[in-house]
């Protein structure tokens, strides 16, 4: 689905599930948050380009950045992998 409000969103560290939510968990929904972020960025002179990834913040509680390999999945649309040493 291209509607981020319907996406299942997960965060894993070293394969262990840290958090799971859906996109509609965000107050106001993902579309309203995106509009607010875009308005804020463009009012400050930032240019948004095709392919830019915009993450509006945490859904649920914030997890401390501990060493490991992380995977954040946003539905079937996008996966971001990163590591903390």
N, C-alpha and C. Protein backbone atom coordinates (compact mmCIF):
# COMPACT_ATOMS: atom_id res chain seq x y z
N UNK A 1 0.83 -1.19 0.00
CA UNK A 1 0.00 0.00 0.00
C UNK A 1 0.88 1.25 0.00
N UNK A 2 0.45 2.25 -0.70
CA UNK A 2 1.18 3.52 -0.71
C UNK A 2 0.69 4.47 0.37
N UNK A 3 -0.26 4.04 1.18
CA UNK A 3 -0.76 4.87 2.28
C UNK A 3 0.02 4.54 3.54
N UNK A 4 0.92 5.44 3.98
CA UNK A 4 1.75 5.13 5.15
C UNK A 4 0.96 4.96 6.44
N UNK A 5 -0.29 5.41 6.48
CA UNK A 5 -1.10 5.19 7.68
C UNK A 5 -1.44 3.72 7.89
N UNK A 6 -1.35 2.91 6.82
CA UNK A 6 -1.69 1.49 6.91
C UNK A 6 -0.46 0.60 7.10
N UNK A 7 0.73 1.17 7.01
CA UNK A 7 1.95 0.37 7.08
C UNK A 7 2.18 -0.20 8.47
N UNK A 8 2.63 -1.44 8.51
CA UNK A 8 3.16 -2.03 9.74
C UNK A 8 4.62 -1.57 9.82
N UNK A 9 4.99 -1.00 10.95
CA UNK A 9 6.33 -0.45 11.13
C UNK A 9 7.01 -1.21 12.26
N UNK A 10 8.21 -1.72 11.99
CA UNK A 10 8.94 -2.47 13.01
C UNK A 10 10.37 -1.94 13.14
N UNK A 11 10.91 -2.09 14.32
CA UNK A 11 12.31 -1.78 14.58
C UNK A 11 12.93 -3.00 15.26
N UNK A 12 14.02 -3.49 14.68
CA UNK A 12 14.73 -4.64 15.23
C UNK A 12 16.19 -4.29 15.46
N UNK A 13 16.78 -4.88 16.51
CA UNK A 13 18.21 -4.79 16.75
C UNK A 13 18.74 -6.21 16.82
N UNK A 14 19.70 -6.53 15.96
CA UNK A 14 20.27 -7.87 15.89
C UNK A 14 19.18 -8.93 15.76
N UNK A 15 18.14 -8.61 14.98
CA UNK A 15 17.05 -9.54 14.73
C UNK A 15 15.97 -9.57 15.79
N UNK A 16 16.19 -8.94 16.93
CA UNK A 16 15.20 -8.94 18.02
C UNK A 16 14.25 -7.76 17.85
N UNK A 17 12.96 -8.05 17.88
CA UNK A 17 11.95 -7.00 17.74
C UNK A 17 11.98 -6.07 18.95
N UNK A 18 12.20 -4.78 18.68
CA UNK A 18 12.19 -3.78 19.74
C UNK A 18 10.84 -3.07 19.83
N UNK A 19 10.23 -2.88 18.65
CA UNK A 19 8.98 -2.14 18.64
C UNK A 19 8.21 -2.45 17.36
N UNK A 20 6.89 -2.40 17.50
CA UNK A 20 6.00 -2.61 16.35
C UNK A 20 4.83 -1.66 16.48
N UNK A 21 4.46 -1.03 15.38
CA UNK A 21 3.33 -0.10 15.38
C UNK A 21 2.75 -0.06 13.97
N UNK A 22 1.71 0.71 13.79
CA UNK A 22 1.19 1.00 12.46
C UNK A 22 1.32 2.50 12.23
N UNK A 23 1.37 2.87 10.97
CA UNK A 23 1.56 4.27 10.62
C UNK A 23 0.52 5.21 11.19
N UNK A 24 -0.69 4.70 11.38
CA UNK A 24 -1.75 5.58 11.90
C UNK A 24 -1.62 5.82 13.40
N UNK A 25 -0.57 5.27 14.03
CA UNK A 25 -0.34 5.53 15.45
C UNK A 25 0.13 6.96 15.70
N UNK A 26 0.64 7.60 14.67
CA UNK A 26 1.13 8.97 14.81
C UNK A 26 -0.05 9.93 14.99
N UNK A 27 0.10 10.81 15.95
CA UNK A 27 -0.95 11.80 16.21
C UNK A 27 -1.20 12.62 14.94
N UNK A 28 -2.43 12.64 14.48
CA UNK A 28 -2.77 13.39 13.28
C UNK A 28 -2.61 12.59 12.00
N UNK A 29 -1.93 11.44 12.07
CA UNK A 29 -1.71 10.62 10.89
C UNK A 29 -0.46 11.05 10.14
N UNK A 30 0.03 10.15 9.30
CA UNK A 30 1.28 10.37 8.58
C UNK A 30 1.19 11.52 7.56
N UNK A 31 0.06 11.65 6.88
CA UNK A 31 -0.05 12.69 5.86
C UNK A 31 0.00 14.08 6.48
N UNK A 32 -0.71 14.30 7.58
CA UNK A 32 -0.69 15.60 8.25
C UNK A 32 0.71 15.91 8.78
N UNK A 33 1.39 14.90 9.33
CA UNK A 33 2.76 15.09 9.82
C UNK A 33 3.71 15.42 8.68
N UNK A 34 3.57 14.73 7.56
CA UNK A 34 4.42 14.99 6.40
C UNK A 34 4.22 16.42 5.90
N UNK A 35 2.98 16.85 5.79
CA UNK A 35 2.69 18.21 5.33
C UNK A 35 3.33 19.24 6.25
N UNK A 36 3.22 19.03 7.55
CA UNK A 36 3.82 19.94 8.52
C UNK A 36 5.34 19.98 8.37
N UNK A 37 5.96 18.82 8.23
CA UNK A 37 7.42 18.75 8.07
C UNK A 37 7.85 19.45 6.77
N UNK A 38 7.16 19.16 5.67
CA UNK A 38 7.51 19.78 4.39
C UNK A 38 7.37 21.30 4.46
N UNK A 39 6.28 21.78 5.06
CA UNK A 39 6.09 23.22 5.19
C UNK A 39 7.21 23.84 6.02
N UNK A 40 7.59 23.17 7.10
CA UNK A 40 8.66 23.67 7.96
C UNK A 40 9.99 23.70 7.21
N UNK A 41 10.32 22.61 6.54
CA UNK A 41 11.60 22.55 5.82
C UNK A 41 11.68 23.57 4.69
N UNK A 42 10.62 23.66 3.88
CA UNK A 42 10.66 24.60 2.76
C UNK A 42 10.65 26.05 3.23
N UNK A 43 10.00 26.33 4.37
CA UNK A 43 10.01 27.70 4.89
C UNK A 43 11.41 28.11 5.34
N UNK A 44 12.27 27.12 5.60
CA UNK A 44 13.65 27.39 6.01
C UNK A 44 14.61 27.32 4.81
N UNK A 45 14.05 27.17 3.61
CA UNK A 45 14.87 27.18 2.41
C UNK A 45 15.41 25.83 1.98
N UNK A 46 14.99 24.75 2.63
CA UNK A 46 15.47 23.42 2.24
C UNK A 46 14.73 22.94 0.99
N UNK A 47 15.43 22.25 0.13
CA UNK A 47 14.86 21.69 -1.08
C UNK A 47 14.59 20.20 -0.86
N UNK A 48 13.39 19.76 -1.14
CA UNK A 48 13.03 18.35 -1.03
C UNK A 48 13.16 17.75 -2.42
N UNK A 49 13.90 16.66 -2.52
CA UNK A 49 14.16 16.03 -3.81
C UNK A 49 13.47 14.66 -3.89
N UNK A 50 13.16 14.25 -5.10
CA UNK A 50 12.60 12.91 -5.31
C UNK A 50 13.56 11.89 -4.73
N UNK A 51 13.03 10.93 -3.98
CA UNK A 51 13.85 9.90 -3.37
C UNK A 51 14.27 10.20 -1.95
N UNK A 52 14.08 11.45 -1.49
CA UNK A 52 14.39 11.77 -0.10
C UNK A 52 13.52 10.94 0.83
N UNK A 53 14.09 10.51 1.94
CA UNK A 53 13.35 9.76 2.95
C UNK A 53 13.10 10.69 4.12
N UNK A 54 11.85 10.82 4.49
CA UNK A 54 11.47 11.69 5.60
C UNK A 54 10.84 10.83 6.68
N UNK A 55 11.44 10.86 7.85
CA UNK A 55 10.93 10.11 9.00
C UNK A 55 10.48 11.14 10.02
N UNK A 56 9.22 11.07 10.41
CA UNK A 56 8.65 12.12 11.26
C UNK A 56 8.94 11.93 12.75
N UNK A 57 9.52 10.82 13.12
CA UNK A 57 9.84 10.60 14.53
C UNK A 57 9.47 9.20 14.97
N UNK A 58 9.58 8.96 16.24
CA UNK A 58 9.32 7.64 16.80
C UNK A 58 7.83 7.38 16.95
N UNK A 59 7.41 6.17 16.67
CA UNK A 59 6.06 5.71 16.99
C UNK A 59 6.21 4.83 18.22
N UNK A 60 5.65 5.26 19.31
CA UNK A 60 5.84 4.52 20.56
C UNK A 60 7.04 5.08 21.31
N UNK A 61 7.59 4.25 22.17
CA UNK A 61 8.67 4.75 23.02
C UNK A 61 10.00 4.80 22.26
N UNK A 62 10.87 5.64 22.74
CA UNK A 62 12.20 5.78 22.17
C UNK A 62 13.11 4.71 22.79
N UNK A 63 13.93 4.08 21.96
CA UNK A 63 14.86 3.06 22.44
C UNK A 63 16.28 3.63 22.47
N UNK A 64 17.04 3.31 23.51
CA UNK A 64 18.43 3.80 23.56
C UNK A 64 19.26 3.22 22.42
N UNK A 65 20.18 4.01 21.91
CA UNK A 65 21.05 3.55 20.84
C UNK A 65 22.16 2.66 21.39
N UNK A 66 21.95 1.37 21.35
CA UNK A 66 22.93 0.40 21.84
C UNK A 66 23.64 -0.23 20.65
N UNK A 67 24.86 -0.73 20.85
CA UNK A 67 25.57 -1.36 19.74
C UNK A 67 24.75 -2.50 19.13
N UNK A 68 24.80 -2.59 17.82
CA UNK A 68 24.10 -3.65 17.12
C UNK A 68 23.76 -3.25 15.70
N UNK A 69 23.15 -4.19 14.99
CA UNK A 69 22.68 -3.95 13.63
C UNK A 69 21.17 -3.77 13.69
N UNK A 70 20.70 -2.65 13.20
CA UNK A 70 19.30 -2.27 13.29
C UNK A 70 18.63 -2.38 11.93
N UNK A 71 17.34 -2.68 11.97
CA UNK A 71 16.53 -2.69 10.76
C UNK A 71 15.19 -2.06 11.09
N UNK A 72 14.87 -0.99 10.39
CA UNK A 72 13.56 -0.35 10.51
C UNK A 72 12.81 -0.63 9.22
N UNK A 73 11.64 -1.25 9.36
CA UNK A 73 10.82 -1.59 8.18
C UNK A 73 9.55 -0.77 8.20
N UNK A 74 9.23 -0.23 7.05
CA UNK A 74 8.05 0.60 6.89
C UNK A 74 7.14 -0.07 5.87
N UNK A 75 6.29 -0.99 6.36
CA UNK A 75 5.44 -1.77 5.47
C UNK A 75 6.29 -2.56 4.49
N UNK A 76 5.77 -2.73 3.28
CA UNK A 76 6.54 -3.39 2.23
C UNK A 76 7.27 -2.35 1.38
N UNK A 77 7.18 -1.09 1.80
CA UNK A 77 7.67 0.01 0.98
C UNK A 77 9.16 0.28 1.14
N UNK A 78 9.67 0.21 2.36
CA UNK A 78 11.03 0.67 2.60
C UNK A 78 11.64 -0.03 3.81
N UNK A 79 12.91 -0.31 3.73
CA UNK A 79 13.68 -0.84 4.85
C UNK A 79 14.95 -0.01 4.98
N UNK A 80 15.24 0.39 6.20
CA UNK A 80 16.47 1.12 6.49
C UNK A 80 17.29 0.27 7.45
N UNK A 81 18.54 0.00 7.07
CA UNK A 81 19.45 -0.76 7.92
C UNK A 81 20.62 0.13 8.31
N UNK A 82 21.02 0.02 9.56
CA UNK A 82 22.18 0.78 10.04
C UNK A 82 22.77 0.06 11.24
N UNK A 83 23.98 0.44 11.59
CA UNK A 83 24.62 -0.19 12.75
C UNK A 83 25.15 0.88 13.69
N UNK A 84 25.21 0.51 14.95
CA UNK A 84 25.81 1.34 15.99
C UNK A 84 26.93 0.51 16.60
N UNK A 85 28.09 1.09 16.68
CA UNK A 85 29.25 0.36 17.24
C UNK A 85 29.50 0.77 18.66
